[in-house]
Amino acid sequence: MSLVLPSVQARKGNRLARVSPRRWLNLQEYQSKKLMQDSGVTVQRFFVADTASEALEAAKRLKAKEIVLKAQILAGGRGKGVFDSGLKGGVHLTKDPAVVGELAGKMLGFSLTTKQTPKEGVKVKTVMVAEALDISRETYFAILMDRSFNGPVMVGSPQGGVDIEEVAAATPELIFKEVIDIFEGVRDDQALRMAANLGFKGPLERQAANQIKRLYDLFLKVDATQVEVNPLGETPEGQVVCFDAKINFDDNAEFRQKAVFAMDDTAESDPLETEAARHDLKYIGLDGNIACFVNGAGLAMATCDIIDLHGGKPANFLDLGGGVKENQVYAAFKLLTADPKVEAILVNIFGGIVNCAIIANGITKACRELELKVPLVVRLEGTNVQEAKRILSESGLPITSATDLDDAAKKAVAAIAKN
């Protein structure tokens, strides 16, 4: 777990999914390590393989005393996972390069199930073959955006390799922070003070400070919202190494981080969420049966809550945003109707940015072309609303109008009960 800022959140089964601001890009471990390596951050030597023979060759090329083989999926808990090939564990250590090929053969092309994957697991397409290093001490270090300080903050603890939130709760005195001046960057004295607070001594203190500054350079270079290293460790040979890292990115910077976002592997993502992103829609599937079609994250949350209040269950969170176009409305309806759980659709548009007539035209087009089979309840309020209501009323389509959000939620719930 990481120390992250609070944000608008939506229920997703028993989990919480951040939906605003949108920061959805997740990289595989080897991709994050490559970005760090390119910024001069010290990581283990590693290779990536797509076949068992490539993994074997990589193990030989490393010429390491010990090798670690890691299945590359986005879910956590890989070490305790199970493959449908029968192999237990997505992380293996060995001193024999020949074993790497055999193990990789039982990983690649097979599904790995962990506590964070779907029940059917996730198919492994890539493995990372890395030099295994002994860790004599583990620390925690992160750089993240903190709204309370209006900018980036360094967070560190001499207690690493564990859940940092548990450390913060049990021993808050072991959590150290340094506010970074966005114009000045990380000063030498700040980096050295953080290194000392992390427990690095002698020559290792300067080495750790140098790694901290390079991590901040990476943070800026890739438009990260968080760079978390857990553990930032020291080896018996006197080397400071970033052993594992999590990098979060600001999706608003995608236009200037094309190389980074090109790494995005959507194979493990919900297909509906991936399709929504293609149309610049913010969509998160939930467990209910009333589809929500809303403009604005706050309004979407309120819509989900009021549906629940009246005894219904939201099937999704879908935010159209402010600059919506008719084709996006059509795409949104395709997404909603593709979910077999959806038994009714509630459209809730409110505000001055969105032209309600565009929404109405998109709704009528979608209803006709998709041959909508489930009840549709629409509440519109805002710019050009009278024209929008005229379009809907003259469409001849079985659309139920609502006067406000409460009325809309009641009618959507009642429509399901009636059916």
Protein backbone atom coordinates (compact mmCIF):
# COMPACT_ATOMS: atom_id res chain seq x y z
CA MET A 1 0.00 0.00 0.00
CA SER A 2 1.09 3.57 -0.50
CA LEU A 3 0.55 6.92 1.12
CA VAL A 4 -1.69 8.60 -1.44
CA LEU A 5 -3.92 11.62 -1.45
CA PRO A 6 -7.66 11.23 -0.84
CA SER A 7 -9.71 11.47 -4.03
CA VAL A 8 -13.25 10.94 -5.21
CA GLN A 9 -13.85 7.21 -4.98
CA ALA A 10 -16.48 4.77 -6.23
CA ARG A 11 -17.55 1.38 -4.95
CA LYS A 12 -16.34 -1.49 -7.11
CA GLY A 13 -17.51 -4.67 -5.45
CA ASN A 14 -15.66 -4.73 -2.14
CA ARG A 15 -12.87 -2.53 -3.47
CA LEU A 16 -12.41 1.21 -3.90
CA ALA A 17 -11.49 2.54 -7.32
CA ARG A 18 -10.20 6.08 -7.84
CA VAL A 19 -12.14 7.85 -10.51
CA SER A 20 -11.22 11.52 -10.27
CA PRO A 21 -8.73 12.73 -11.18
CA ARG A 22 -8.15 9.87 -13.63
CA ARG A 23 -4.77 8.21 -13.11
CA TRP A 24 -5.15 4.76 -14.59
CA LEU A 25 -1.84 3.98 -16.31
CA ASN A 26 -0.12 1.00 -14.67
CA LEU A 27 3.21 -0.36 -15.83
CA GLN A 28 4.68 -3.79 -15.36
CA GLU A 29 7.56 -4.06 -12.90
CA TYR A 30 10.20 -4.34 -15.61
CA GLN A 31 8.86 -1.22 -17.33
CA SER A 32 9.14 0.85 -14.15
CA LYS A 33 12.64 -0.50 -13.58
CA LYS A 34 13.62 0.48 -17.11
CA LEU A 35 12.43 4.05 -16.54
CA MET A 36 14.45 4.22 -13.32
CA GLN A 37 17.49 2.70 -15.00
CA ASP A 38 17.31 5.31 -17.75
CA SER A 39 17.34 8.06 -15.09
CA GLY A 40 20.46 6.73 -13.40
CA VAL A 41 18.64 5.05 -10.52
CA THR A 42 20.35 1.87 -9.31
CA VAL A 43 18.24 -1.25 -9.89
CA GLN A 44 19.08 -4.94 -10.23
CA ARG A 45 20.45 -6.05 -13.57
CA PHE A 46 17.63 -7.69 -15.49
CA PHE A 47 16.36 -8.99 -18.81
CA VAL A 48 12.84 -9.59 -20.12
CA ALA A 49 11.77 -12.80 -21.86
CA ASP A 50 8.68 -13.92 -23.77
CA THR A 51 9.70 -17.58 -24.19
CA ALA A 52 11.34 -20.21 -22.00
CA SER A 53 14.39 -20.32 -24.27
CA GLU A 54 14.78 -16.52 -24.03
CA ALA A 55 14.56 -16.77 -20.23
CA LEU A 56 17.26 -19.45 -20.16
CA GLU A 57 19.53 -17.36 -22.38
CA ALA A 58 18.91 -14.29 -20.17
CA ALA A 59 19.85 -16.26 -17.05
CA LYS A 60 23.14 -17.29 -18.64
CA ARG A 61 23.92 -13.74 -19.77
CA LEU A 62 23.42 -12.36 -16.27
CA LYS A 63 26.29 -14.47 -14.87
CA ALA A 64 24.89 -13.84 -11.39
CA LYS A 65 25.43 -15.87 -8.22
CA GLU A 66 21.67 -16.10 -7.79
CA ILE A 67 18.81 -15.35 -10.15
CA VAL A 68 15.22 -14.27 -9.47
CA LEU A 69 12.50 -15.10 -12.00
CA LYS A 70 9.33 -13.01 -11.78
CA ALA A 71 6.06 -13.41 -13.68
CA GLN A 72 4.98 -10.02 -15.00
CA ILE A 73 1.36 -9.20 -14.24
CA LEU A 74 -0.12 -6.05 -12.70
CA ALA A 75 -1.68 -7.79 -9.69
CA GLY A 76 0.08 -8.05 -6.35
CA GLY A 77 0.74 -11.20 -4.33
CA ARG A 78 2.63 -12.91 -7.16
CA GLY A 79 4.93 -14.79 -4.80
CA LYS A 80 2.03 -16.69 -3.24
CA GLY A 81 0.08 -17.15 -6.46
CA VAL A 82 -0.64 -20.41 -8.27
CA PHE A 83 -0.43 -21.18 -12.01
CA ASP A 84 -2.91 -23.38 -13.84
CA SER A 85 0.17 -25.33 -14.99
CA GLY A 86 0.49 -26.52 -11.40
CA LEU A 87 3.49 -24.32 -10.56
CA LYS A 88 3.20 -22.57 -7.21
CA GLY A 89 4.54 -19.03 -6.92
CA GLY A 90 5.10 -16.33 -9.51
CA VAL A 91 8.49 -15.44 -8.03
CA HIS A 92 11.34 -17.98 -7.85
CA LEU A 93 14.98 -17.86 -6.74
CA THR A 94 17.65 -20.19 -8.09
CA LYS A 95 21.42 -20.43 -8.46
CA ASP A 96 21.14 -22.70 -11.48
CA PRO A 97 20.46 -20.88 -14.79
CA ALA A 98 19.17 -24.12 -16.33
CA VAL A 99 16.26 -24.14 -13.86
CA VAL A 100 15.13 -20.71 -15.10
CA GLY A 101 14.14 -22.10 -18.50
CA GLU A 102 12.16 -24.91 -16.90
CA LEU A 103 10.34 -22.57 -14.52
CA ALA A 104 9.63 -20.04 -17.27
CA GLY A 105 8.07 -22.82 -19.33
CA LYS A 106 5.53 -23.35 -16.53
CA MET A 107 4.80 -19.62 -16.30
CA LEU A 108 4.58 -18.30 -19.85
CA GLY A 109 1.24 -18.90 -21.52
CA PHE A 110 -0.34 -20.02 -18.24
CA SER A 111 -2.67 -18.12 -15.93
CA LEU A 112 -1.47 -16.96 -12.52
CA THR A 113 -4.06 -16.55 -9.78
CA THR A 114 -3.32 -14.36 -6.76
CA LYS A 115 -5.45 -12.64 -4.12
CA GLN A 116 -5.70 -9.61 -6.43
CA THR A 117 -6.57 -11.31 -9.74
CA PRO A 118 -9.95 -12.50 -11.02
CA LYS A 119 -10.81 -16.10 -10.11
CA GLU A 120 -9.61 -17.33 -13.49
CA GLY A 121 -6.26 -15.60 -13.00
CA VAL A 122 -4.22 -13.57 -15.48
CA LYS A 123 -2.29 -15.10 -18.37
CA VAL A 124 1.46 -14.46 -18.10
CA LYS A 125 3.02 -13.29 -21.36
CA THR A 126 6.34 -11.97 -20.04
CA VAL A 127 8.82 -12.85 -17.31
CA MET A 128 11.63 -10.80 -15.81
CA VAL A 129 14.96 -12.53 -15.22
CA ALA A 130 17.01 -10.50 -12.74
CA GLU A 131 20.11 -10.66 -10.63
CA ALA A 132 19.15 -11.59 -7.07
CA LEU A 133 20.84 -9.38 -4.48
CA ASP A 134 20.97 -9.87 -0.75
CA ILE A 135 19.36 -7.09 1.27
CA SER A 136 20.96 -6.30 4.61
CA ARG A 137 18.44 -3.55 5.42
CA GLU A 138 15.15 -2.31 3.94
CA THR A 139 13.76 1.23 3.96
CA TYR A 140 10.76 2.97 2.42
CA PHE A 141 10.94 6.05 0.20
CA ALA A 142 8.37 7.85 -1.96
CA ILE A 143 7.80 11.14 -3.73
CA LEU A 144 4.17 12.09 -4.14
CA MET A 145 1.94 15.05 -4.85
CA ASP A 146 0.38 16.34 -1.64
CA ARG A 147 -2.48 18.81 -1.88
CA SER A 148 -1.90 20.09 1.66
CA PHE A 149 1.55 21.32 0.59
CA ASN A 150 0.51 22.34 -2.94
CA GLY A 151 3.22 20.25 -4.52
CA PRO A 152 5.58 17.27 -4.21
CA VAL A 153 6.66 15.82 -0.88
CA MET A 154 9.28 13.20 0.00
CA VAL A 155 8.09 10.56 2.46
CA GLY A 156 10.49 8.06 4.00
CA SER A 157 10.84 5.54 6.79
CA PRO A 158 13.68 3.33 8.06
CA GLN A 159 11.04 0.58 8.24
CA GLY A 160 10.69 -0.68 4.66
CA GLY A 161 9.58 -3.83 2.91
CA VAL A 162 6.25 -3.82 4.76
CA ASP A 163 2.90 -2.05 4.53
CA ILE A 164 3.90 1.58 5.09
CA GLU A 165 0.39 2.52 6.23
CA GLU A 166 0.73 0.08 9.12
CA VAL A 167 4.05 1.68 10.05
CA ALA A 168 2.43 5.13 9.94
CA ALA A 169 -0.41 3.97 12.21
CA ALA A 170 1.71 2.05 14.74
CA THR A 171 4.89 4.19 14.83
CA PRO A 172 4.21 7.61 13.26
CA GLU A 173 7.55 8.87 14.60
CA LEU A 174 9.23 6.64 11.99
CA ILE A 175 7.63 8.53 9.09
CA PHE A 176 9.69 11.47 7.82
CA LYS A 177 8.60 14.12 5.33
CA GLU A 178 10.41 16.77 3.30
CA VAL A 179 8.43 19.34 1.32
CA ILE A 180 9.99 19.99 -2.10
CA ASP A 181 10.02 23.46 -3.61
CA ILE A 182 8.83 22.80 -7.17
CA PHE A 183 11.02 25.63 -8.51
CA GLU A 184 14.12 24.74 -6.50
CA GLY A 185 13.93 20.95 -6.57
CA VAL A 186 15.45 18.61 -3.98
CA ARG A 187 18.28 20.42 -2.18
CA ASP A 188 21.43 18.56 -1.16
CA ASP A 189 20.72 19.16 2.54
CA GLN A 190 17.19 17.74 2.15
CA ALA A 191 18.42 14.63 0.36
CA LEU A 192 21.14 14.04 2.97
CA ARG A 193 18.69 14.61 5.84
CA MET A 194 16.22 12.12 4.36
CA ALA A 195 19.02 9.59 3.79
CA ALA A 196 20.08 9.95 7.42
CA ASN A 197 16.47 9.58 8.62
CA LEU A 198 16.25 6.38 6.57
CA GLY A 199 19.22 5.08 8.57
CA PHE A 200 21.94 5.15 5.93
CA LYS A 201 25.35 5.77 7.48
CA GLY A 202 28.84 6.70 6.31
CA PRO A 203 29.38 6.53 2.52
CA LEU A 204 25.91 4.99 2.11
CA GLU A 205 24.31 8.25 3.27
CA ARG A 206 25.73 10.18 0.32
CA GLN A 207 24.90 7.31 -2.03
CA ALA A 208 21.29 7.21 -0.83
CA ALA A 209 21.00 11.00 -1.15
CA ASN A 210 22.17 10.73 -4.75
CA GLN A 211 19.53 8.08 -5.46
CA ILE A 212 16.86 10.29 -3.88
CA LYS A 213 17.78 13.19 -6.18
CA ARG A 214 17.72 10.92 -9.23
CA LEU A 215 14.32 9.59 -8.26
CA TYR A 216 13.05 13.16 -8.13
CA ASP A 217 14.52 13.79 -11.58
CA LEU A 218 12.52 10.77 -12.78
CA PHE A 219 9.41 12.06 -11.00
CA LEU A 220 9.58 15.29 -12.99
CA LYS A 221 10.70 13.75 -16.27
CA VAL A 222 7.75 11.37 -16.61
CA ASP A 223 5.07 13.62 -15.07
CA ALA A 224 4.56 11.23 -12.18
CA THR A 225 2.07 11.77 -9.41
CA GLN A 226 3.93 9.26 -7.25
CA VAL A 227 7.19 7.31 -7.28
CA GLU A 228 7.21 4.75 -4.48
CA VAL A 229 10.22 2.54 -3.73
CA ASN A 230 9.63 -0.25 -1.23
CA PRO A 231 12.16 -1.37 -0.41
CA LEU A 232 14.97 1.08 -1.00
CA GLY A 233 17.59 -1.27 0.40
CA GLU A 234 21.26 -1.60 1.10
CA THR A 235 23.27 -4.70 0.21
CA PRO A 236 26.03 -6.36 2.25
CA GLU A 237 28.45 -5.12 -0.42
CA GLY A 238 27.57 -1.50 0.41
CA GLN A 239 25.26 -0.60 -2.44
CA VAL A 240 21.97 1.33 -2.26
CA VAL A 241 19.44 -0.30 -4.62
CA CYS A 242 15.81 0.35 -5.58
CA PHE A 243 14.47 -3.19 -5.33
CA ASP A 244 10.81 -2.60 -6.11
CA ALA A 245 8.97 0.47 -7.36
CA LYS A 246 5.50 1.71 -8.17
CA ILE A 247 5.10 4.73 -10.44
CA ASN A 248 1.79 6.55 -10.91
CA PHE A 249 1.36 8.94 -13.80
CA ASP A 250 -0.80 11.98 -14.45
CA ASP A 251 -2.99 11.12 -17.42
CA ASN A 252 -3.37 14.82 -18.18
CA ALA A 253 0.28 14.74 -19.32
CA GLU A 254 -0.28 11.95 -21.84
CA PHE A 255 0.17 14.39 -24.73
CA ARG A 256 3.83 14.91 -23.78
CA GLN A 257 4.54 11.43 -22.39
CA LYS A 258 3.66 9.44 -25.49
CA ALA A 259 6.56 6.98 -25.05
CA VAL A 260 5.50 6.19 -21.48
CA PHE A 261 1.80 5.80 -22.29
CA ALA A 262 2.66 3.61 -25.28
CA MET A 263 3.82 1.03 -22.72
CA ASP A 264 0.29 0.69 -21.37
CA ASP A 265 -0.80 -2.94 -21.55
CA THR A 266 -4.60 -3.08 -21.49
CA ALA A 267 -4.72 -6.88 -21.66
CA GLU A 268 -5.40 -7.06 -17.91
CA SER A 269 -7.91 -4.20 -17.88
CA ASP A 270 -11.69 -4.48 -17.96
CA PRO A 271 -12.56 -4.45 -21.71
CA LEU A 272 -15.43 -2.01 -21.10
CA GLU A 273 -13.16 0.41 -19.22
CA THR A 274 -10.58 0.17 -21.99
CA GLU A 275 -13.20 0.86 -24.66
CA ALA A 276 -14.54 3.81 -22.65
CA ALA A 277 -11.08 5.37 -22.43
CA ARG A 278 -10.85 5.17 -26.24
CA HIS A 279 -13.82 7.55 -26.43
CA ASP A 280 -12.51 9.76 -23.61
CA LEU A 281 -15.18 8.52 -21.22
CA LYS A 282 -14.54 7.75 -17.57
CA TYR A 283 -16.17 4.39 -16.85
CA ILE A 284 -15.94 1.97 -13.94
CA GLY A 285 -18.08 -1.14 -13.79
CA LEU A 286 -19.92 -1.84 -10.52
CA ASP A 287 -22.01 -4.76 -9.31
CA GLY A 288 -25.57 -3.46 -9.69
CA ASN A 289 -28.19 -3.38 -12.46
CA ILE A 290 -29.01 0.33 -13.00
CA ALA A 291 -26.63 1.94 -15.47
CA CYS A 292 -25.61 5.52 -14.67
CA PHE A 293 -24.95 8.02 -17.46
CA VAL A 294 -23.84 11.32 -15.93
CA ASN A 295 -21.76 14.46 -16.57
CA GLY A 296 -19.30 15.18 -13.77
CA ALA A 297 -17.63 12.92 -11.20
CA GLY A 298 -19.40 14.46 -8.21
CA LEU A 299 -22.80 14.13 -9.86
CA ALA A 300 -21.99 10.53 -10.79
CA MET A 301 -21.22 9.74 -7.15
CA ALA A 302 -24.45 11.43 -6.02
CA THR A 303 -26.40 9.46 -8.64
CA CYS A 304 -24.90 6.17 -7.45
CA ASP A 305 -25.74 7.06 -3.83
CA ILE A 306 -29.34 8.11 -4.46
CA ILE A 307 -30.02 4.97 -6.49
CA ASP A 308 -28.77 2.99 -3.50
CA LEU A 309 -30.90 5.11 -1.15
CA HIS A 310 -34.05 4.09 -3.05
CA GLY A 311 -33.20 0.40 -2.96
CA GLY A 312 -31.43 0.05 -6.30
CA LYS A 313 -27.84 -0.82 -7.15
CA PRO A 314 -25.69 1.16 -9.62
CA ALA A 315 -24.21 -0.94 -12.41
CA ASN A 316 -21.44 1.50 -13.22
CA PHE A 317 -19.90 4.93 -12.84
CA LEU A 318 -19.85 6.73 -16.21
CA ASP A 319 -18.75 10.36 -16.44
CA LEU A 320 -19.21 12.06 -19.81
CA GLY A 321 -17.30 15.19 -18.80
CA GLY A 322 -18.07 18.71 -19.99
CA GLY A 323 -17.07 18.74 -23.67
CA VAL A 324 -19.28 15.85 -24.71
CA LYS A 325 -20.09 15.18 -28.37
CA GLU A 326 -22.97 13.23 -29.88
CA ASN A 327 -20.76 10.30 -30.89
CA GLN A 328 -19.60 9.96 -27.27
CA VAL A 329 -23.21 9.64 -26.14
CA TYR A 330 -23.70 6.85 -28.67
CA ALA A 331 -20.48 5.13 -27.53
CA ALA A 332 -21.59 5.44 -23.91
CA PHE A 333 -24.91 3.72 -24.65
CA LYS A 334 -23.07 0.91 -26.44
CA LEU A 335 -20.94 0.40 -23.34
CA LEU A 336 -23.90 0.40 -20.99
CA THR A 337 -25.98 -2.01 -23.06
CA ALA A 338 -23.01 -4.37 -23.47
CA ASP A 339 -23.21 -5.14 -19.75
CA PRO A 340 -25.64 -8.08 -19.34
CA LYS A 341 -26.37 -7.03 -15.74
CA VAL A 342 -27.97 -3.73 -16.83
CA GLU A 343 -31.77 -3.78 -16.44
CA ALA A 344 -32.38 -0.03 -16.62
CA ILE A 345 -30.50 3.13 -17.61
CA LEU A 346 -30.62 6.42 -15.73
CA VAL A 347 -29.36 9.52 -17.58
CA ASN A 348 -28.65 12.45 -15.24
CA ILE A 349 -27.33 15.59 -16.95
CA PHE A 350 -27.02 18.80 -14.96
CA GLY A 351 -24.99 21.97 -15.49
CA GLY A 352 -24.19 24.83 -17.83
CA ILE A 353 -21.28 23.32 -19.78
CA VAL A 354 -23.05 20.44 -21.49
CA ASN A 355 -25.51 21.23 -24.28
CA CYS A 356 -28.54 19.13 -23.38
CA ALA A 357 -29.72 19.05 -27.02
CA ILE A 358 -26.52 17.20 -27.99
CA ILE A 359 -27.25 14.65 -25.27
CA ALA A 360 -30.85 14.28 -26.44
CA ASN A 361 -29.81 13.73 -30.06
CA GLY A 362 -27.24 11.17 -28.98
CA ILE A 363 -29.80 9.37 -26.82
CA THR A 364 -32.41 9.10 -29.56
CA LYS A 365 -29.86 7.92 -32.12
CA ALA A 366 -28.51 5.28 -29.72
CA CYS A 367 -32.01 4.07 -28.76
CA ARG A 368 -32.97 3.55 -32.40
CA GLU A 369 -29.73 2.05 -33.73
CA LEU A 370 -29.05 -0.16 -30.72
CA GLU A 371 -32.73 -1.16 -30.36
CA LEU A 372 -32.69 -0.45 -26.64
CA LYS A 373 -34.55 -3.16 -24.72
CA VAL A 374 -34.26 -1.86 -21.14
CA PRO A 375 -36.19 1.02 -19.49
CA LEU A 376 -34.60 4.45 -19.91
CA VAL A 377 -35.10 7.30 -17.42
CA VAL A 378 -33.78 10.75 -18.36
CA ARG A 379 -33.30 13.84 -16.23
CA LEU A 380 -31.90 16.87 -18.08
CA GLU A 381 -31.20 20.31 -16.66
CA GLY A 382 -29.00 23.07 -18.05
CA THR A 383 -28.09 24.67 -21.37
CA ASN A 384 -30.63 24.26 -24.18
CA VAL A 385 -32.75 22.02 -21.98
CA GLN A 386 -36.12 22.97 -23.54
CA GLU A 387 -34.89 21.96 -26.99
CA ALA A 388 -33.57 18.73 -25.53
CA LYS A 389 -36.91 17.92 -23.92
CA ARG A 390 -38.67 18.62 -27.23
CA ILE A 391 -36.33 16.21 -29.07
CA LEU A 392 -37.04 13.45 -26.54
CA SER A 393 -40.81 13.98 -26.41
CA GLU A 394 -41.16 14.03 -30.20
CA SER A 395 -38.91 11.01 -30.72
CA GLY A 396 -41.72 8.51 -30.18
CA LEU A 397 -39.34 6.44 -28.05
CA PRO A 398 -40.34 4.91 -24.68
CA ILE A 399 -38.27 7.35 -22.62
CA THR A 400 -39.36 8.23 -19.08
CA SER A 401 -38.68 11.85 -18.13
CA ALA A 402 -37.79 12.86 -14.57
CA THR A 403 -38.02 16.26 -12.89
CA ASP A 404 -35.01 15.90 -10.60
CA LEU A 405 -32.44 13.36 -9.42
CA ASP A 406 -34.60 11.94 -6.67
CA ASP A 407 -37.49 11.47 -9.09
CA ALA A 408 -35.16 9.86 -11.64
CA ALA A 409 -33.76 7.36 -9.13
CA LYS A 410 -37.24 6.38 -7.93
CA LYS A 411 -38.44 5.82 -11.50
CA ALA A 412 -35.38 3.75 -12.45
CA VAL A 413 -35.80 1.50 -9.42
CA ALA A 414 -39.55 1.20 -10.04
CA ALA A 415 -38.95 0.30 -13.72
CA ILE A 416 -36.89 -2.72 -12.71
CA ALA A 417 -39.43 -3.81 -10.12
CA LYS A 418 -42.21 -3.54 -12.73
CA ASN A 419 -40.29 -5.64 -15.27
